[in-house]
């Protein structure tokens, strides 16, 4: 891993700003507390802190190649102790040499010569602070990478689950349709043929979206209308369907085939199990930040079937995986009316 102070501009600016502040504090301390001449204090602060600024960048490599591990804490402390001694030796030797050359015949006052203990304390403090900051940066970077990795794994897992749930829809529909065609081949071959043609058209449309979790509402309405036409061939006048959806919502996106289980449920438990003619109604509207899809149908109250099987579980699970919500499908039964209300978040 490359030193982030070098790579990232904002870190470099922050690093230089901090050292500028340290340098200012250094020369003010020398000038006011130790009574060192101003030009000596300025040169001393610039040299000593400028050298440690460069050494501080090098401390990154020591930290990077010695990861923090409580199991090897003693070895880690020993490594940093020896590294700190080396850094201190280089720092004071090089800075002392440069300041000696710059100052020439300058005679240092007694307080100035007593700065060695203070330099040692400051040098060790700088090393500890820089090393700790680097460890925190590494921890933060590893944390972000771990979060991103886990999010990626979770996204792939969700995608796999969604694909599995979506894959359950088509076989279920095929099974029902083939049963219908089978019963029609003997009684009315021409209607059976018409149903096969519409069924092939339906799957030609749906297969184009096989690798997509979303579709335009206009496309889903087309699927719904074609599905109703297929079932109307089977049930004739017994089935009447109405779709009320304004064209202004056509470009809105909803999960692909999310309506299919509801349509099948309406046909199976509303039309098939009812001796009377049944109207199935699909309505679209927009409320706040939701697209509301309402599918309603009459049903026989004496029927023992609940009408809430694998299809509803499929829808709820897909909505939970996509939107992380468990409250987007509401089922209401009012007298002999079965109403499914589907809320699709738009933001």
C-alpha atoms as a PDB file:
ATOM      1  CA  UNK A   1       0.000   0.000   0.000  1.00  0.00           C
ATOM      2  CA  UNK A   2       1.382   3.402  -0.991  1.00  0.00           C
ATOM      3  CA  UNK A   3       1.638   6.133   1.628  1.00  0.00           C
ATOM      4  CA  UNK A   4      -1.732   7.941   1.448  1.00  0.00           C
ATOM      5  CA  UNK A   5      -0.045  11.226   2.420  1.00  0.00           C
ATOM      6  CA  UNK A   6       1.780  11.147  -0.911  1.00  0.00           C
ATOM      7  CA  UNK A   7      -1.092   9.818  -2.999  1.00  0.00           C
ATOM      8  CA  UNK A   8      -4.013  11.918  -1.720  1.00  0.00           C
ATOM      9  CA  UNK A   9      -3.754  15.667  -2.119  1.00  0.00           C
ATOM     10  CA  UNK A  10      -5.950  16.521   0.862  1.00  0.00           C
ATOM     11  CA  UNK A  11      -3.843  14.342   3.159  1.00  0.00           C
ATOM     12  CA  UNK A  12      -0.641  15.990   1.885  1.00  0.00           C
ATOM     13  CA  UNK A  13      -2.056  19.465   2.459  1.00  0.00           C
ATOM     14  CA  UNK A  14      -3.154  18.508   5.969  1.00  0.00           C
ATOM     15  CA  UNK A  15       0.250  16.954   6.695  1.00  0.00           C
ATOM     16  CA  UNK A  16       2.139  20.058   5.546  1.00  0.00           C
ATOM     17  CA  UNK A  17      -0.239  22.349   7.434  1.00  0.00           C
ATOM     18  CA  UNK A  18       0.288  20.447  10.688  1.00  0.00           C
ATOM     19  CA  UNK A  19       4.065  20.599  10.316  1.00  0.00           C
ATOM     20  CA  UNK A  20       3.885  24.318   9.536  1.00  0.00           C
ATOM     21  CA  UNK A  21       1.988  24.805  12.819  1.00  0.00           C
ATOM     22  CA  UNK A  22       4.544  22.661  14.688  1.00  0.00           C
ATOM     23  CA  UNK A  23       7.388  24.672  13.174  1.00  0.00           C
ATOM     24  CA  UNK A  24       5.752  27.930  14.231  1.00  0.00           C
ATOM     25  CA  UNK A  25       5.326  26.651  17.787  1.00  0.00           C
ATOM     26  CA  UNK A  26       8.943  25.462  17.767  1.00  0.00           C
ATOM     27  CA  UNK A  27      10.472  28.805  16.793  1.00  0.00           C
ATOM     28  CA  UNK A  28       8.189  30.747  19.160  1.00  0.00           C
ATOM     29  CA  UNK A  29       9.270  28.487  22.020  1.00  0.00           C
ATOM     30  CA  UNK A  30      12.945  29.032  21.200  1.00  0.00           C
ATOM     31  CA  UNK A  31      12.556  32.777  20.825  1.00  0.00           C
ATOM     32  CA  UNK A  32      10.384  33.588  23.834  1.00  0.00           C
ATOM     33  CA  UNK A  33      11.187  30.839  26.331  1.00  0.00           C
ATOM     34  CA  UNK A  34      14.832  30.059  25.590  1.00  0.00           C
ATOM     35  CA  UNK A  35      15.746  33.582  24.472  1.00  0.00           C
ATOM     36  CA  UNK A  36      17.298  32.368  21.217  1.00  0.00           C
ATOM     37  CA  UNK A  37      17.867  34.994  18.487  1.00  0.00           C
ATOM     38  CA  UNK A  38      15.039  35.223  15.990  1.00  0.00           C
ATOM     39  CA  UNK A  39      16.992  34.153  12.905  1.00  0.00           C
ATOM     40  CA  UNK A  40      18.491  31.205  14.827  1.00  0.00           C
ATOM     41  CA  UNK A  41      15.027  30.143  16.029  1.00  0.00           C
ATOM     42  CA  UNK A  42      13.631  30.342  12.487  1.00  0.00           C
ATOM     43  CA  UNK A  43      16.463  28.337  10.940  1.00  0.00           C
ATOM     44  CA  UNK A  44      16.419  25.789  13.744  1.00  0.00           C
ATOM     45  CA  UNK A  45      12.657  25.268  13.517  1.00  0.00           C
ATOM     46  CA  UNK A  46      12.728  25.012   9.728  1.00  0.00           C
ATOM     47  CA  UNK A  47      15.623  22.521   9.630  1.00  0.00           C
ATOM     48  CA  UNK A  48      14.596  20.206  12.477  1.00  0.00           C
ATOM     49  CA  UNK A  49      10.925  20.098  11.577  1.00  0.00           C
ATOM     50  CA  UNK A  50      11.564  19.970   7.832  1.00  0.00           C
ATOM     51  CA  UNK A  51      13.776  16.896   8.279  1.00  0.00           C
ATOM     52  CA  UNK A  52      11.234  15.190  10.547  1.00  0.00           C
ATOM     53  CA  UNK A  53       8.552  15.996   7.985  1.00  0.00           C
ATOM     54  CA  UNK A  54      10.451  13.847   5.472  1.00  0.00           C
ATOM     55  CA  UNK A  55      11.258  11.146   8.022  1.00  0.00           C
ATOM     56  CA  UNK A  56       7.583  11.096   8.998  1.00  0.00           C
ATOM     57  CA  UNK A  57       6.705  10.000   5.474  1.00  0.00           C
ATOM     58  CA  UNK A  58       9.221   7.194   5.825  1.00  0.00           C
ATOM     59  CA  UNK A  59       7.657   6.000   9.093  1.00  0.00           C
ATOM     60  CA  UNK A  60       4.729   4.852   6.957  1.00  0.00           C
ATOM     61  CA  UNK A  61       6.778   1.970   5.589  1.00  0.00           C
ATOM     62  CA  UNK A  62       7.713   0.829   9.090  1.00  0.00           C
ATOM     63  CA  UNK A  63       4.042   0.857  10.097  1.00  0.00           C
ATOM     64  CA  UNK A  64       2.831  -0.730   6.862  1.00  0.00           C
ATOM     65  CA  UNK A  65       5.224  -3.676   7.149  1.00  0.00           C
ATOM     66  CA  UNK A  66       4.519  -4.182  10.847  1.00  0.00           C
ATOM     67  CA  UNK A  67       0.718  -4.527  11.148  1.00  0.00           C
ATOM     68  CA  UNK A  68      -0.845  -4.046  14.552  1.00  0.00           C
ATOM     69  CA  UNK A  69      -1.394  -7.421  16.188  1.00  0.00           C
ATOM     70  CA  UNK A  70      -2.035  -7.945  19.905  1.00  0.00           C
ATOM     71  CA  UNK A  71      -0.669 -11.495  19.676  1.00  0.00           C
ATOM     72  CA  UNK A  72       2.752 -10.125  18.690  1.00  0.00           C
ATOM     73  CA  UNK A  73       2.578  -6.929  20.720  1.00  0.00           C
ATOM     74  CA  UNK A  74       6.032  -7.314  22.292  1.00  0.00           C
ATOM     75  CA  UNK A  75       7.699  -7.839  18.924  1.00  0.00           C
ATOM     76  CA  UNK A  76       5.787  -4.869  17.558  1.00  0.00           C
ATOM     77  CA  UNK A  77       6.859  -2.601  20.433  1.00  0.00           C
ATOM     78  CA  UNK A  78      10.489  -3.752  20.085  1.00  0.00           C
ATOM     79  CA  UNK A  79      10.429  -3.058  16.342  1.00  0.00           C
ATOM     80  CA  UNK A  80       9.090   0.446  16.863  1.00  0.00           C
ATOM     81  CA  UNK A  81      11.508   1.113  19.721  1.00  0.00           C
ATOM     82  CA  UNK A  82      14.478   0.276  17.496  1.00  0.00           C
ATOM     83  CA  UNK A  83      12.937   2.189  14.594  1.00  0.00           C
ATOM     84  CA  UNK A  84      12.388   5.226  16.801  1.00  0.00           C
ATOM     85  CA  UNK A  85      16.047   5.123  17.926  1.00  0.00           C
ATOM     86  CA  UNK A  86      17.161   4.951  14.302  1.00  0.00           C
ATOM     87  CA  UNK A  87      14.845   7.805  13.248  1.00  0.00           C
ATOM     88  CA  UNK A  88      16.015   9.905  16.205  1.00  0.00           C
ATOM     89  CA  UNK A  89      19.669   9.260  15.372  1.00  0.00           C
ATOM     90  CA  UNK A  90      19.229  10.220  11.733  1.00  0.00           C
ATOM     91  CA  UNK A  91      17.091  13.230  12.616  1.00  0.00           C
ATOM     92  CA  UNK A  92      19.433  14.790  15.187  1.00  0.00           C
ATOM     93  CA  UNK A  93      22.608  13.957  13.256  1.00  0.00           C
ATOM     94  CA  UNK A  94      21.454  15.388   9.932  1.00  0.00           C
ATOM     95  CA  UNK A  95      19.708  18.391  11.502  1.00  0.00           C
ATOM     96  CA  UNK A  96      22.715  19.088  13.728  1.00  0.00           C
ATOM     97  CA  UNK A  97      25.054  18.941  10.740  1.00  0.00           C
ATOM     98  CA  UNK A  98      22.894  21.275   8.643  1.00  0.00           C
ATOM     99  CA  UNK A  99      22.356  23.806  11.440  1.00  0.00           C
ATOM    100  CA  UNK A 100      26.097  23.726  12.233  1.00  0.00           C
ATOM    101  CA  UNK A 101      26.880  24.575   8.612  1.00  0.00           C
ATOM    102  CA  UNK A 102      24.238  27.305   8.500  1.00  0.00           C
ATOM    103  CA  UNK A 103      25.161  28.924  11.794  1.00  0.00           C
ATOM    104  CA  UNK A 104      28.911  28.797  11.265  1.00  0.00           C
ATOM    105  CA  UNK A 105      30.616  30.747  14.085  1.00  0.00           C
ATOM    106  CA  UNK A 106      27.355  31.384  15.939  1.00  0.00           C
ATOM    107  CA  UNK A 107      27.880  30.748  19.632  1.00  0.00           C
ATOM    108  CA  UNK A 108      24.825  29.164  21.216  1.00  0.00           C
ATOM    109  CA  UNK A 109      23.728  30.374  24.602  1.00  0.00           C
ATOM    110  CA  UNK A 110      23.578  27.911  27.484  1.00  0.00           C
ATOM    111  CA  UNK A 111      19.770  27.447  27.344  1.00  0.00           C
ATOM    112  CA  UNK A 112      20.057  26.523  23.674  1.00  0.00           C
ATOM    113  CA  UNK A 113      22.634  23.801  24.339  1.00  0.00           C
ATOM    114  CA  UNK A 114      20.245  22.268  26.856  1.00  0.00           C
ATOM    115  CA  UNK A 115      17.649  21.607  24.170  1.00  0.00           C
ATOM    116  CA  UNK A 116      18.840  18.030  23.543  1.00  0.00           C
ATOM    117  CA  UNK A 117      16.500  16.441  26.157  1.00  0.00           C
ATOM    118  CA  UNK A 118      13.581  18.425  24.757  1.00  0.00           C
ATOM    119  CA  UNK A 119      14.423  17.343  21.219  1.00  0.00           C
ATOM    120  CA  UNK A 120      14.490  13.699  22.306  1.00  0.00           C
ATOM    121  CA  UNK A 121      11.095  14.032  23.970  1.00  0.00           C
ATOM    122  CA  UNK A 122       9.645  15.801  20.947  1.00  0.00           C
ATOM    123  CA  UNK A 123      11.199  13.326  18.509  1.00  0.00           C
ATOM    124  CA  UNK A 124       9.765  10.323  20.383  1.00  0.00           C
ATOM    125  CA  UNK A 125       6.382  12.056  20.662  1.00  0.00           C
ATOM    126  CA  UNK A 126       6.363  12.818  16.933  1.00  0.00           C
ATOM    127  CA  UNK A 127       7.218   9.199  16.136  1.00  0.00           C
ATOM    128  CA  UNK A 128       4.443   7.815  18.373  1.00  0.00           C
ATOM    129  CA  UNK A 129       1.821  10.231  17.019  1.00  0.00           C
ATOM    130  CA  UNK A 130       2.752   9.665  13.374  1.00  0.00           C
ATOM    131  CA  UNK A 131       2.815   5.877  13.819  1.00  0.00           C
ATOM    132  CA  UNK A 132      -0.578   5.925  15.571  1.00  0.00           C
ATOM    133  CA  UNK A 133      -2.100   8.080  12.840  1.00  0.00           C
ATOM    134  CA  UNK A 134      -0.771   5.729  10.183  1.00  0.00           C
ATOM    135  CA  UNK A 135      -2.218   2.731  12.012  1.00  0.00           C
ATOM    136  CA  UNK A 136      -5.579   4.497  12.192  1.00  0.00           C
ATOM    137  CA  UNK A 137      -5.434   5.261   8.472  1.00  0.00           C
ATOM    138  CA  UNK A 138      -4.650   1.627   7.678  1.00  0.00           C
ATOM    139  CA  UNK A 139      -7.473   0.459   9.940  1.00  0.00           C
ATOM    140  CA  UNK A 140      -9.891   2.890   8.309  1.00  0.00           C
ATOM    141  CA  UNK A 141      -8.837   1.830   4.812  1.00  0.00           C
ATOM    142  CA  UNK A 142      -9.159  -1.867   5.691  1.00  0.00           C
ATOM    143  CA  UNK A 143     -12.537  -1.160   7.268  1.00  0.00           C
ATOM    144  CA  UNK A 144     -13.776   0.587   4.126  1.00  0.00           C
ATOM    145  CA  UNK A 145     -12.492  -2.237   1.926  1.00  0.00           C
ATOM    146  CA  UNK A 146     -14.141  -4.817   4.168  1.00  0.00           C
ATOM    147  CA  UNK A 147     -17.448  -2.924   4.117  1.00  0.00           C
ATOM    148  CA  UNK A 148     -17.256  -2.592   0.319  1.00  0.00           C
ATOM    149  CA  UNK A 149     -16.396  -6.281  -0.033  1.00  0.00           C
ATOM    150  CA  UNK A 150     -19.266  -7.357   2.232  1.00  0.00           C
ATOM    151  CA  UNK A 151     -21.643  -5.019   0.387  1.00  0.00           C
ATOM    152  CA  UNK A 152     -20.531  -6.529  -2.913  1.00  0.00           C
ATOM    153  CA  UNK A 153     -21.023 -10.066  -1.589  1.00  0.00           C
ATOM    154  CA  UNK A 154     -24.432  -9.125  -0.200  1.00  0.00           C
ATOM    155  CA  UNK A 155     -25.414  -7.522  -3.517  1.00  0.00           C
ATOM    156  CA  UNK A 156     -24.392 -10.648  -5.427  1.00  0.00           C
ATOM    157  CA  UNK A 157     -26.253 -12.820  -2.924  1.00  0.00           C
ATOM    158  CA  UNK A 158     -29.363 -10.663  -3.277  1.00  0.00           C
ATOM    159  CA  UNK A 159     -29.070 -10.767  -7.056  1.00  0.00           C
ATOM    160  CA  UNK A 160     -28.843 -14.553  -6.961  1.00  0.00           C
ATOM    161  CA  UNK A 161     -31.897 -14.731  -4.694  1.00  0.00           C
ATOM    162  CA  UNK A 162     -33.814 -12.332  -6.935  1.00  0.00           C
ATOM    163  CA  UNK A 163     -32.950 -14.342 -10.025  1.00  0.00           C
ATOM    164  CA  UNK A 164     -34.086 -17.510  -8.264  1.00  0.00           C
ATOM    165  CA  UNK A 165     -37.366 -15.918  -7.220  1.00  0.00           C
ATOM    166  CA  UNK A 166     -37.952 -14.510 -10.699  1.00  0.00           C
ATOM    167  CA  UNK A 167     -37.158 -17.890 -12.221  1.00  0.00           C
ATOM    168  CA  UNK A 168     -40.001 -19.415 -10.183  1.00  0.00           C
ATOM    169  CA  UNK A 169     -42.560 -17.288 -12.046  1.00  0.00           C
ATOM    170  CA  UNK A 170     -42.190 -18.538 -15.609  1.00  0.00           C
ATOM    171  CA  UNK A 171     -42.321 -22.303 -14.863  1.00  0.00           C
ATOM    172  CA  UNK A 172     -45.438 -21.746 -12.776  1.00  0.00           C
ATOM    173  CA  UNK A 173     -47.090 -19.829 -15.588  1.00  0.00           C
ATOM    174  CA  UNK A 174     -45.975 -22.409 -18.180  1.00  0.00           C
ATOM    175  CA  UNK A 175     -47.490 -25.209 -16.114  1.00  0.00           C
ATOM    176  CA  UNK A 176     -50.862 -23.460 -15.880  1.00  0.00           C
ATOM    177  CA  UNK A 177     -50.872 -22.463 -19.545  1.00  0.00           C
ATOM    178  CA  UNK A 178     -49.943 -25.927 -20.801  1.00  0.00           C
ATOM    179  CA  UNK A 179     -52.739 -27.410 -18.731  1.00  0.00           C
ATOM    180  CA  UNK A 180     -55.152 -24.972 -20.342  1.00  0.00           C
ATOM    181  CA  UNK A 181     -53.857 -25.750 -23.829  1.00  0.00           C
ATOM    182  CA  UNK A 182     -54.067 -29.458 -23.130  1.00  0.00           C
ATOM    183  CA  UNK A 183     -57.727 -29.202 -22.186  1.00  0.00           C
ATOM    184  CA  UNK A 184     -58.466 -27.081 -25.271  1.00  0.00           C
ATOM    185  CA  UNK A 185     -56.739 -29.285 -27.848  1.00  0.00           C
ATOM    186  CA  UNK A 186     -59.560 -31.812 -27.671  1.00  0.00           C
ATOM    187  CA  UNK A 187     -62.502 -29.449 -27.218  1.00  0.00           C
ATOM    188  CA  UNK A 188     -61.456 -26.580 -29.476  1.00  0.00           C
ATOM    189  CA  UNK A 189     -58.157 -26.992 -31.414  1.00  0.00           C
ATOM    190  CA  UNK A 190     -58.426 -23.555 -33.073  1.00  0.00           C
ATOM    191  CA  UNK A 191     -58.633 -21.776 -29.733  1.00  0.00           C
ATOM    192  CA  UNK A 192     -55.774 -23.929 -28.445  1.00  0.00           C
ATOM    193  CA  UNK A 193     -53.683 -22.850 -31.438  1.00  0.00           C
ATOM    194  CA  UNK A 194     -54.525 -19.197 -30.815  1.00  0.00           C
ATOM    195  CA  UNK A 195     -53.511 -19.608 -27.196  1.00  0.00           C
ATOM    196  CA  UNK A 196     -50.184 -21.175 -28.209  1.00  0.00           C
ATOM    197  CA  UNK A 197     -49.452 -18.225 -30.527  1.00  0.00           C
ATOM    198  CA  UNK A 198     -50.176 -15.679 -27.801  1.00  0.00           C
ATOM    199  CA  UNK A 199     -48.233 -17.718 -25.268  1.00  0.00           C
ATOM    200  CA  UNK A 200     -45.165 -17.776 -27.535  1.00  0.00           C
ATOM    201  CA  UNK A 201     -45.487 -14.015 -28.010  1.00  0.00           C
ATOM    202  CA  UNK A 202     -45.673 -13.539 -24.243  1.00  0.00           C
ATOM    203  CA  UNK A 203     -42.485 -15.494 -23.618  1.00  0.00           C
ATOM    204  CA  UNK A 204     -40.692 -13.819 -26.497  1.00  0.00           C
ATOM    205  CA  UNK A 205     -41.354 -10.520 -24.737  1.00  0.00           C
ATOM    206  CA  UNK A 206     -40.365 -11.709 -21.265  1.00  0.00           C
ATOM    207  CA  UNK A 207     -37.169 -13.465 -22.344  1.00  0.00           C
ATOM    208  CA  UNK A 208     -35.764 -10.162 -23.609  1.00  0.00           C
ATOM    209  CA  UNK A 209     -35.666  -9.026 -19.980  1.00  0.00           C
ATOM    210  CA  UNK A 210     -34.173 -12.190 -18.524  1.00  0.00           C
ATOM    211  CA  UNK A 211     -31.061 -10.520 -17.094  1.00  0.00           C
ATOM    212  CA  UNK A 212     -32.802  -7.399 -15.812  1.00  0.00           C
ATOM    213  CA  UNK A 213     -34.501  -6.927 -12.471  1.00  0.00           C
ATOM    214  CA  UNK A 214     -36.429  -3.849 -13.614  1.00  0.00           C
ATOM    215  CA  UNK A 215     -38.713  -3.005 -16.501  1.00  0.00           C
ATOM    216  CA  UNK A 216     -40.705   0.001 -17.616  1.00  0.00           C
ATOM    217  CA  UNK A 217     -44.251   0.081 -16.325  1.00  0.00           C
ATOM    218  CA  UNK A 218     -45.484   0.272 -19.919  1.00  0.00           C
ATOM    219  CA  UNK A 219     -43.764  -3.062 -20.645  1.00  0.00           C
ATOM    220  CA  UNK A 220     -45.242  -4.709 -17.564  1.00  0.00           C
ATOM    221  CA  UNK A 221     -48.691  -3.468 -18.581  1.00  0.00           C
ATOM    222  CA  UNK A 222     -48.181  -5.041 -22.014  1.00  0.00           C
ATOM    223  CA  UNK A 223     -47.282  -8.349 -20.350  1.00  0.00           C
ATOM    224  CA  UNK A 224     -50.353  -8.066 -18.146  1.00  0.00           C
ATOM    225  CA  UNK A 225     -52.658  -7.318 -21.061  1.00  0.00           C
ATOM    226  CA  UNK A 226     -51.255 -10.206 -23.100  1.00  0.00           C
ATOM    227  CA  UNK A 227     -51.587 -12.517 -20.112  1.00  0.00           C
ATOM    228  CA  UNK A 228     -55.234 -11.525 -19.703  1.00  0.00           C
ATOM    229  CA  UNK A 229     -55.829 -12.150 -23.427  1.00  0.00           C
ATOM    230  CA  UNK A 230     -54.306 -15.616 -23.096  1.00  0.00           C
ATOM    231  CA  UNK A 231     -56.533 -16.443 -20.146  1.00  0.00           C
ATOM    232  CA  UNK A 232     -59.580 -14.906 -21.834  1.00  0.00           C
ATOM    233  CA  UNK A 233     -59.197 -17.429 -24.628  1.00  0.00           C
ATOM    234  CA  UNK A 234     -59.611 -20.084 -21.980  1.00  0.00           C
ATOM    235  CA  UNK A 235     -62.412 -18.537 -19.939  1.00  0.00           C
ATOM    236  CA  UNK A 236     -64.196 -16.582 -22.695  1.00  0.00           C
ATOM    237  CA  UNK A 237     -67.021 -14.400 -21.340  1.00  0.00           C
ATOM    238  CA  UNK A 238     -66.406 -15.566 -17.774  1.00  0.00           C
ATOM    239  CA  UNK A 239     -63.372 -13.263 -17.601  1.00  0.00           C
ATOM    240  CA  UNK A 240     -63.495  -9.532 -18.063  1.00  0.00           C
ATOM    241  CA  UNK A 241     -60.377  -7.490 -17.459  1.00  0.00           C
ATOM    242  CA  UNK A 242     -59.902  -3.741 -17.116  1.00  0.00           C
ATOM    243  CA  UNK A 243     -56.554  -1.906 -17.055  1.00  0.00           C
ATOM    244  CA  UNK A 244     -56.547   1.709 -15.941  1.00  0.00           C
ATOM    245  CA  UNK A 245     -53.070   3.156 -16.140  1.00  0.00           C
ATOM    246  CA  UNK A 246     -52.280   6.655 -17.347  1.00  0.00           C
ATOM    247  CA  UNK A 247     -49.613   7.000 -20.041  1.00  0.00           C
ATOM    248  CA  UNK A 248     -47.750   9.515 -17.865  1.00  0.00           C
ATOM    249  CA  UNK A 249     -46.509   6.612 -15.728  1.00  0.00           C
ATOM    250  CA  UNK A 250     -45.136   4.580 -18.655  1.00  0.00           C
ATOM    251  CA  UNK A 251     -41.485   5.510 -18.027  1.00  0.00           C
ATOM    252  CA  UNK A 252     -41.540   4.538 -14.357  1.00  0.00           C
ATOM    253  CA  UNK A 253     -39.623   1.379 -13.494  1.00  0.00           C
ATOM    254  CA  UNK A 254     -40.879  -1.545 -11.440  1.00  0.00           C
ATOM    255  CA  UNK A 255     -39.416  -5.004 -10.706  1.00  0.00           C
ATOM    256  CA  UNK A 256     -39.736  -7.206 -13.777  1.00  0.00           C
ATOM    257  CA  UNK A 257     -42.752  -9.585 -13.682  1.00  0.00           C
ATOM    258  CA  UNK A 258     -43.683  -8.418 -10.173  1.00  0.00           C
ATOM    259  CA  UNK A 259     -47.352  -8.360 -11.230  1.00  0.00           C
ATOM    260  CA  UNK A 260     -47.362 -11.863 -12.682  1.00  0.00           C
ATOM    261  CA  UNK A 261     -48.063 -13.794  -9.442  1.00  0.00           C
ATOM    262  CA  UNK A 262     -50.908 -11.393  -8.632  1.00  0.00           C
ATOM    263  CA  UNK A 263     -52.441 -11.899 -12.070  1.00  0.00           C
ATOM    264  CA  UNK A 264     -52.220 -15.669 -11.740  1.00  0.00           C
ATOM    265  CA  UNK A 265     -53.736 -15.481  -8.278  1.00  0.00           C
ATOM    266  CA  UNK A 266     -56.659 -13.412  -9.590  1.00  0.00           C
ATOM    267  CA  UNK A 267     -57.323 -15.913 -12.383  1.00  0.00           C
ATOM    268  CA  UNK A 268     -56.950 -19.027 -10.267  1.00  0.00           C
ATOM    269  CA  UNK A 269     -58.839 -17.960  -7.137  1.00  0.00           C
ATOM    270  CA  UNK A 270     -61.101 -15.345  -8.673  1.00  0.00           C
ATOM    271  CA  UNK A 271     -62.123 -16.661 -12.084  1.00  0.00           C
ATOM    272  CA  UNK A 272     -61.417 -20.376 -12.103  1.00  0.00           C
ATOM    273  CA  UNK A 273     -63.048 -21.097  -8.734  1.00  0.00           C
ATOM    274  CA  UNK A 274     -66.079 -18.878  -9.344  1.00  0.00           C
ATOM    275  CA  UNK A 275     -69.223 -19.952 -11.193  1.00  0.00           C
ATOM    276  CA  UNK A 276     -70.103 -16.347 -12.056  1.00  0.00           C
ATOM    277  CA  UNK A 277     -68.514 -13.914 -14.474  1.00  0.00           C
ATOM    278  CA  UNK A 278     -65.611 -12.077 -12.850  1.00  0.00           C
ATOM    279  CA  UNK A 279     -64.044  -8.714 -13.530  1.00  0.00           C
ATOM    280  CA  UNK A 280     -60.326  -8.357 -12.819  1.00  0.00           C
ATOM    281  CA  UNK A 281     -59.194  -4.748 -12.589  1.00  0.00           C
ATOM    282  CA  UNK A 282     -55.637  -3.378 -12.630  1.00  0.00           C
ATOM    283  CA  UNK A 283     -55.243   0.260 -11.670  1.00  0.00           C
ATOM    284  CA  UNK A 284     -52.164   2.499 -11.469  1.00  0.00           C
ATOM    285  CA  UNK A 285     -51.781   5.731  -9.564  1.00  0.00           C
ATOM    286  CA  UNK A 286     -49.073   7.828  -7.979  1.00  0.00           C
ATOM    287  CA  UNK A 287     -49.098   8.898  -4.342  1.00  0.00           C
ATOM    288  CA  UNK A 288     -46.222  10.898  -2.843  1.00  0.00           C
ATOM    289  CA  UNK A 289     -43.056   8.972  -3.732  1.00  0.00           C
ATOM    290  CA  UNK A 290     -44.813   5.723  -4.597  1.00  0.00           C
ATOM    291  CA  UNK A 291     -46.334   4.136  -7.651  1.00  0.00           C
ATOM    292  CA  UNK A 292     -49.434   2.309  -6.437  1.00  0.00           C
ATOM    293  CA  UNK A 293     -50.605  -0.759  -8.376  1.00  0.00           C
ATOM    294  CA  UNK A 294     -53.998  -2.099  -7.341  1.00  0.00           C
ATOM    295  CA  UNK A 295     -55.277  -5.438  -8.605  1.00  0.00           C
ATOM    296  CA  UNK A 296     -58.799  -6.363  -7.575  1.00  0.00           C
ATOM    297  CA  UNK A 297     -61.114  -9.244  -8.417  1.00  0.00           C
ATOM    298  CA  UNK A 298     -64.254 -10.864  -7.168  1.00  0.00           C
ATOM    299  CA  UNK A 299     -64.008 -14.291  -5.570  1.00  0.00           C
ATOM    300  CA  UNK A 300     -66.295 -16.912  -4.139  1.00  0.00           C
ATOM    301  CA  UNK A 301     -66.415 -16.437  -0.334  1.00  0.00           C
ATOM    302  CA  UNK A 302     -67.335 -20.125   0.029  1.00  0.00           C
ATOM    303  CA  UNK A 303     -64.057 -21.174  -1.567  1.00  0.00           C
ATOM    304  CA  UNK A 304     -61.658 -22.859   0.884  1.00  0.00           C
ATOM    305  CA  UNK A 305     -58.604 -21.513  -0.912  1.00  0.00           C
ATOM    306  CA  UNK A 306     -56.906 -18.536   0.765  1.00  0.00           C
ATOM    307  CA  UNK A 307     -55.328 -17.272  -2.429  1.00  0.00           C
ATOM    308  CA  UNK A 308     -52.111 -16.341  -0.589  1.00  0.00           C
ATOM    309  CA  UNK A 309     -49.582 -18.981  -1.513  1.00  0.00           C
ATOM    310  CA  UNK A 310     -46.107 -19.065  -3.019  1.00  0.00           C
ATOM    311  CA  UNK A 311     -46.896 -16.165  -5.367  1.00  0.00           C
ATOM    312  CA  UNK A 312     -47.413 -13.668  -2.563  1.00  0.00           C
ATOM    313  CA  UNK A 313     -44.377 -14.941  -0.687  1.00  0.00           C
ATOM    314  CA  UNK A 314     -42.372 -14.553  -3.876  1.00  0.00           C
ATOM    315  CA  UNK A 315     -43.473 -10.932  -4.288  1.00  0.00           C
ATOM    316  CA  UNK A 316     -42.824 -10.015  -0.649  1.00  0.00           C
ATOM    317  CA  UNK A 317     -39.372 -11.588  -0.729  1.00  0.00           C
ATOM    318  CA  UNK A 318     -38.403  -9.834  -3.966  1.00  0.00           C
ATOM    319  CA  UNK A 319     -39.591  -6.484  -2.610  1.00  0.00           C
ATOM    320  CA  UNK A 320     -37.667  -7.053   0.608  1.00  0.00           C
ATOM    321  CA  UNK A 321     -34.462  -7.855  -1.273  1.00  0.00           C
ATOM    322  CA  UNK A 322     -34.798  -4.922  -3.692  1.00  0.00           C
ATOM    323  CA  UNK A 323     -36.105  -2.187  -1.383  1.00  0.00           C
ATOM    324  CA  UNK A 324     -35.273  -3.588   2.066  1.00  0.00           C
ATOM    325  CA  UNK A 325     -38.926  -3.136   3.013  1.00  0.00           C
ATOM    326  CA  UNK A 326     -41.546  -5.576   4.287  1.00  0.00           C
ATOM    327  CA  UNK A 327     -44.585  -3.317   3.958  1.00  0.00           C
ATOM    328  CA  UNK A 328     -44.922  -2.839   0.203  1.00  0.00           C
ATOM    329  CA  UNK A 329     -47.602  -5.473  -0.446  1.00  0.00           C
ATOM    330  CA  UNK A 330     -50.975  -5.169   1.257  1.00  0.00           C
ATOM    331  CA  UNK A 331     -53.774  -7.693   0.827  1.00  0.00           C
ATOM    332  CA  UNK A 332     -57.335  -6.650   1.633  1.00  0.00           C
ATOM    333  CA  UNK A 333     -60.516  -8.708   1.532  1.00  0.00           C
ATOM    334  CA  UNK A 334     -63.741  -6.671   1.501  1.00  0.00           C
ATOM    335  CA  UNK A 335     -66.833  -8.868   1.260  1.00  0.00           C
ATOM    336  CA  UNK A 336     -66.318 -10.758  -2.014  1.00  0.00           C
ATOM    337  CA  UNK A 337     -63.578  -8.449  -3.296  1.00  0.00           C
ATOM    338  CA  UNK A 338     -59.930  -9.519  -3.158  1.00  0.00           C
ATOM    339  CA  UNK A 339     -57.622  -6.488  -3.404  1.00  0.00           C
ATOM    340  CA  UNK A 340     -53.831  -6.582  -3.729  1.00  0.00           C
ATOM    341  CA  UNK A 341     -52.111  -3.205  -3.266  1.00  0.00           C
ATOM    342  CA  UNK A 342     -48.518  -3.003  -4.422  1.00  0.00           C
ATOM    343  CA  UNK A 343     -46.394   0.050  -3.530  1.00  0.00           C
ATOM    344  CA  UNK A 344     -43.273   0.718  -5.601  1.00  0.00           C
ATOM    345  CA  UNK A 345     -40.878   3.352  -4.170  1.00  0.00           C
ATOM    346  CA  UNK A 346     -39.863   5.879  -6.810  1.00  0.00           C
ATOM    347  CA  UNK A 347     -36.864   7.423  -5.020  1.00  0.00           C
END
